[in-house]
Protein backbone atom coordinates (compact mmCIF):
# COMPACT_ATOMS: atom_id res chain seq x y z
CA UNK A 1 115.37 134.05 176.87
CA UNK A 2 117.47 137.11 177.69
CA UNK A 3 121.10 136.76 176.63
CA UNK A 4 124.20 139.13 177.51
CA UNK A 5 127.34 138.53 175.44
CA UNK A 6 130.64 140.00 176.62
CA UNK A 7 132.81 140.26 173.69
CA UNK A 8 131.68 141.09 170.15
CA UNK A 9 134.69 139.84 168.38
CA UNK A 10 134.57 137.14 165.56
CA UNK A 11 133.40 134.31 167.78
CA UNK A 12 131.07 136.58 169.81
CA UNK A 13 129.36 137.48 166.48
CA UNK A 14 129.29 133.94 165.59
CA UNK A 15 127.33 133.16 168.56
CA UNK A 16 125.17 136.19 168.20
CA UNK A 17 124.28 135.28 164.57
CA UNK A 18 123.51 131.65 165.46
CA UNK A 19 121.21 132.52 168.26
CA UNK A 20 119.26 134.81 166.05
CA UNK A 21 119.23 132.53 163.15
CA UNK A 22 117.94 129.59 165.19
CA UNK A 23 115.38 132.01 166.95
CA UNK A 24 116.83 131.12 170.45
CA UNK A 25 116.25 134.68 171.55
CA UNK A 26 114.82 137.64 170.19
CA UNK A 27 116.80 140.62 169.01
CA UNK A 28 115.39 142.95 171.71
CA UNK A 29 116.45 140.40 174.33
CA UNK A 30 120.17 140.26 173.25
CA UNK A 31 122.82 142.64 174.58
CA UNK A 32 126.47 142.71 173.46
CA UNK A 33 129.50 144.65 175.14
CA UNK A 34 132.70 145.35 173.47
CA UNK A 35 135.47 147.85 174.08
CA UNK A 36 135.78 148.85 170.54
CA UNK A 37 133.03 151.65 169.50
CA UNK A 38 133.08 150.78 165.81
CA UNK A 39 132.68 146.98 166.48
CA UNK A 40 129.59 147.95 168.71
CA UNK A 41 128.06 150.36 166.11
CA UNK A 42 128.60 147.64 163.41
CA UNK A 43 126.90 144.87 165.42
CA UNK A 44 124.01 147.11 166.46
CA UNK A 45 123.35 148.22 162.83
CA UNK A 46 123.77 144.78 161.24
CA UNK A 47 121.82 142.64 163.79
CA UNK A 48 119.51 145.23 165.35
CA UNK A 49 120.70 144.37 168.93
CA UNK A 50 121.58 146.47 171.93
CA UNK A 51 125.15 147.20 172.48
CA UNK A 52 127.33 148.86 175.18
CA UNK A 53 130.82 149.48 176.38
CA UNK A 54 129.88 148.16 179.94
CA UNK A 55 130.06 144.50 180.62
CA UNK A 56 127.85 144.90 183.71
CA UNK A 57 125.12 146.59 181.65
CA UNK A 58 125.26 143.87 178.93
CA UNK A 59 124.27 141.30 181.51
CA UNK A 60 121.60 143.04 183.33
CA UNK A 61 118.57 140.72 183.63
CA UNK A 62 120.37 138.11 181.25
CA UNK A 63 119.38 134.51 181.85
CA UNK A 64 122.43 133.42 179.87
CA UNK A 65 125.83 135.13 179.82
CA UNK A 66 128.39 134.34 177.14
CA UNK A 67 132.06 135.19 177.79
CA UNK A 68 133.37 135.66 174.37
CA UNK A 69 136.71 137.18 175.38
CA UNK A 70 140.51 136.16 174.93
CA UNK A 71 142.07 134.29 177.59
CA UNK A 72 144.11 137.25 178.76
CA UNK A 73 141.01 139.24 179.29
CA UNK A 74 139.11 136.77 181.41
CA UNK A 75 140.42 137.82 184.88
CA UNK A 76 139.34 141.39 184.29
CA UNK A 77 135.89 140.29 183.18
CA UNK A 78 135.46 137.91 186.10
CA UNK A 79 135.93 140.70 188.54
CA UNK A 80 133.14 142.64 187.09
CA UNK A 81 130.49 139.94 187.34
CA UNK A 82 130.55 138.52 190.88
CA UNK A 83 127.58 139.56 192.95
CA UNK A 84 125.10 139.77 189.94
CA UNK A 85 124.62 135.98 189.45
CA UNK A 86 121.72 133.94 190.88
CA UNK A 87 120.36 131.41 188.66
CA UNK A 88 121.90 132.37 185.41
CA UNK A 89 123.95 130.20 183.03
CA UNK A 90 127.36 131.39 182.12
CA UNK A 91 129.11 130.01 178.93
CA UNK A 92 132.94 130.74 178.48
CA UNK A 93 134.80 130.21 175.20
CA UNK A 94 138.14 131.36 176.40
CA UNK A 95 140.71 128.87 175.24
CA UNK A 96 142.60 127.17 178.21
CA UNK A 97 140.61 128.81 180.98
CA UNK A 98 139.49 125.87 183.25
CA UNK A 99 136.06 125.41 184.90
CA UNK A 100 137.71 125.83 188.45
CA UNK A 101 139.16 129.09 187.44
CA UNK A 102 135.89 130.45 186.09
CA UNK A 103 133.97 129.03 189.12
CA UNK A 104 136.30 130.60 191.55
CA UNK A 105 136.66 133.91 189.72
CA UNK A 106 132.85 134.14 189.75
CA UNK A 107 132.01 132.40 193.16
CA UNK A 108 129.50 130.54 191.27
CA UNK A 109 128.96 127.03 189.62
CA UNK A 110 126.47 127.27 186.93
CA UNK A 111 129.24 127.68 184.42
CA UNK A 112 129.93 126.00 181.04
CA UNK A 113 133.39 125.87 179.29
CA UNK A 114 133.17 125.63 175.55
CA UNK A 115 135.57 125.54 172.57
CA UNK A 116 133.86 126.40 169.20
CA UNK A 117 135.80 126.91 166.12
CA UNK A 118 136.00 129.37 163.06
CA UNK A 119 133.40 127.20 160.86
CA UNK A 120 130.80 128.38 163.50
CA UNK A 121 130.63 131.56 161.59
CA UNK A 122 128.80 129.70 158.75
CA UNK A 123 126.90 127.23 160.82
CA UNK A 124 129.33 124.43 160.47
CA UNK A 125 131.29 124.67 163.69
CA UNK A 126 132.36 121.77 166.01
CA UNK A 127 132.15 122.90 169.58
CA UNK A 128 133.43 120.91 172.64
CA UNK A 129 132.04 121.67 176.04
CA UNK A 130 131.94 120.62 179.74
CA UNK A 131 130.61 121.69 182.99
CA UNK A 132 130.55 120.59 186.58
CA UNK A 133 128.21 117.98 187.76
CA UNK A 134 126.14 120.65 189.55
CA UNK A 135 125.11 122.13 186.39
CA UNK A 136 121.25 122.03 186.43
CA UNK A 137 119.37 119.99 183.62
CA UNK A 138 117.84 123.28 182.42
CA UNK A 139 121.16 125.07 182.14
CA UNK A 140 122.67 122.01 180.31
CA UNK A 141 119.89 121.92 177.74
CA UNK A 142 120.22 125.76 177.11
CA UNK A 143 123.97 125.39 176.81
CA UNK A 144 123.39 122.60 174.44
CA UNK A 145 120.96 124.42 172.22
CA UNK A 146 123.14 127.64 172.03
CA UNK A 147 126.24 125.64 170.98
CA UNK A 148 124.39 123.36 168.56
CA UNK A 149 123.13 126.57 166.81
CA UNK A 150 126.74 127.06 165.55
CA UNK A 151 126.97 123.37 164.10
CA UNK A 152 127.96 120.26 165.93
CA UNK A 153 128.36 120.01 169.67
CA UNK A 154 129.92 117.30 171.71
CA UNK A 155 129.74 117.16 175.60
CA UNK A 156 132.70 115.91 177.61
CA UNK A 157 132.10 114.80 181.24
CA UNK A 158 135.87 114.86 181.90
CA UNK A 159 137.31 118.48 181.32
CA UNK A 160 140.76 117.23 180.41
CA UNK A 161 139.47 116.48 176.90
CA UNK A 162 138.74 120.32 176.30
CA UNK A 163 142.48 121.17 175.73
CA UNK A 164 142.54 118.18 173.37
CA UNK A 165 139.62 119.24 171.26
CA UNK A 166 141.14 122.71 171.30
CA UNK A 167 144.21 121.53 169.49
CA UNK A 168 142.22 119.55 166.91
CA UNK A 169 138.95 121.37 166.13
CA UNK A 170 139.74 124.66 167.61
CA UNK A 171 142.94 125.30 165.94
CA UNK A 172 142.25 122.69 163.19
CA UNK A 173 140.63 125.00 160.60
CA UNK A 174 144.07 126.87 160.40
CA UNK A 175 145.77 123.54 159.60
CA UNK A 176 143.14 122.89 156.77
CA UNK A 177 143.49 126.33 155.56
CA UNK A 178 147.12 125.98 155.29
CA UNK A 179 146.78 122.80 153.43
CA UNK A 180 144.18 124.23 150.98
CA UNK A 181 146.66 127.30 150.40
CA UNK A 182 149.39 125.08 149.74
CA UNK A 183 147.54 122.88 147.25
CA UNK A 184 146.36 125.94 145.41
CA UNK A 185 149.71 127.18 145.12
CA UNK A 186 151.02 123.74 143.88
CA UNK A 187 148.19 123.90 141.22
CA UNK A 188 149.49 127.42 140.17
CA UNK A 189 153.09 126.13 140.16
CA UNK A 190 152.28 123.33 137.55
CA UNK A 191 150.48 125.84 135.39
CA UNK A 192 146.84 126.13 136.38
CA UNK A 193 145.30 129.57 136.59
CA UNK A 194 144.84 130.51 140.32
CA UNK A 195 140.97 130.82 140.12
CA UNK A 196 140.77 127.31 138.51
CA UNK A 197 143.35 125.75 141.03
CA UNK A 198 141.20 127.18 143.89
CA UNK A 199 137.89 125.87 142.46
CA UNK A 200 139.46 122.36 141.94
CA UNK A 201 140.99 122.26 145.49
CA UNK A 202 138.12 123.53 147.36
CA UNK A 203 135.57 121.15 145.58
CA UNK A 204 138.11 118.15 145.99
CA UNK A 205 138.44 118.82 149.84
CA UNK A 206 134.80 119.47 150.30
CA UNK A 207 133.81 116.49 148.16
CA UNK A 208 136.54 114.22 150.05
CA UNK A 209 134.94 115.08 153.40
CA UNK A 210 131.29 114.31 152.34
CA UNK A 211 132.49 110.97 150.82
CA UNK A 212 134.11 110.08 154.22
CA UNK A 213 130.92 110.98 156.11
CA UNK A 214 128.62 109.12 153.62
CA UNK A 215 130.69 106.00 153.05
CA UNK A 216 131.69 105.49 156.61
CA UNK A 217 135.14 104.09 155.90
CA UNK A 218 138.52 104.50 157.45
CA UNK A 219 140.58 107.29 155.86
CA UNK A 220 143.23 104.88 155.15
CA UNK A 221 140.72 102.67 153.16
CA UNK A 222 139.59 105.69 151.25
CA UNK A 223 143.01 106.81 150.53
CA UNK A 224 143.88 103.29 149.19
CA UNK A 225 140.82 103.56 146.80
CA UNK A 226 142.45 106.59 145.01
CA UNK A 227 146.05 104.93 144.90
CA UNK A 228 146.67 102.91 141.99
CA UNK A 229 149.93 100.70 141.81
CA UNK A 230 152.73 102.76 140.24
CA UNK A 231 150.36 105.70 139.59
CA UNK A 232 150.60 109.47 140.05
CA UNK A 233 148.93 109.28 143.51
CA UNK A 234 151.49 106.82 144.68
CA UNK A 235 154.27 109.19 143.52
CA UNK A 236 152.93 112.12 145.49
CA UNK A 237 152.13 110.21 148.62
CA UNK A 238 155.57 108.77 148.67
CA UNK A 239 156.99 112.29 148.80
CA UNK A 240 154.59 113.45 151.50
CA UNK A 241 155.38 110.49 153.86
CA UNK A 242 159.22 110.76 153.23
CA UNK A 243 158.95 114.40 154.02
CA UNK A 244 157.52 113.69 157.27
CA UNK A 245 153.87 115.20 156.81
CA UNK A 246 152.16 112.72 159.20
CA UNK A 247 154.73 113.25 161.95
CA UNK A 248 154.75 117.01 161.52
CA UNK A 249 150.84 117.03 161.90
CA UNK A 250 151.23 114.99 165.16
CA UNK A 251 153.81 117.29 166.41
CA UNK A 252 151.76 120.37 165.51
CA UNK A 253 148.77 119.12 167.35
CA UNK A 254 150.80 118.28 170.35
CA UNK A 255 152.32 121.61 170.41
CA UNK A 256 148.82 123.19 170.23
CA UNK A 257 147.50 120.90 173.10
CA UNK A 258 150.54 121.85 175.21
CA UNK A 259 149.94 125.60 174.60
CA UNK A 260 146.15 125.22 175.44
CA UNK A 261 147.04 123.54 178.72
CA UNK A 262 149.72 126.24 179.56
CA UNK A 263 147.27 129.09 178.91
CA UNK A 264 145.16 127.83 181.85
CA UNK A 265 148.13 127.74 184.18
CA UNK A 266 148.80 131.56 183.79
């Protein structure tokens, strides 16, 4: 399978790396375009693939085209592609850009809209995706394989869920990293060496996630298992709840969701 990736940034590289590691395409069949010369040189040297400054050149003969560009750059890219599409699959990871916008801009319907997240860089991503009902079975399966190469994938028949997923999984790692950073700082504040605090926090969070997966219990039930009456955890949770942590998280996700929807209206 020949693949052309437009945009060699962080997520473009994550997709490139996943495609190579899962052997979905050979290196000589992958081409990446990027406006930054140093970025092109790095990708070429690191992955031994073809790079170019021309988006048109990157997708010549490509059976699958990945649009790994920022939302504000989509309109420019769409103007460069029409007329070159016949039976190819187009996958866009631009946040907030709707299927209708993509299809109208390309005058083409074999298009997938996807929202991967940062952990895709290490093969632990969570990607939400959708497409029109006219997407062929072959293109549906190709899209699924490419997105699954980065971690987990979930297909939504209704596009409205993509902006919701963007607010949860797309932006979610930032919320988690902020919590991790804060917990480490708290450990340092009470006297732990920073490297020790970091190890305890990272292992505790990783272990908690694995426990939830394997024990298949509601997070509230797992939380209660840790919380002894009158104990240290009770004291900490009381402060978190009185400080409005739960409502802050809900409001933050709602704000991200609203922003994702508005991006598509610009």
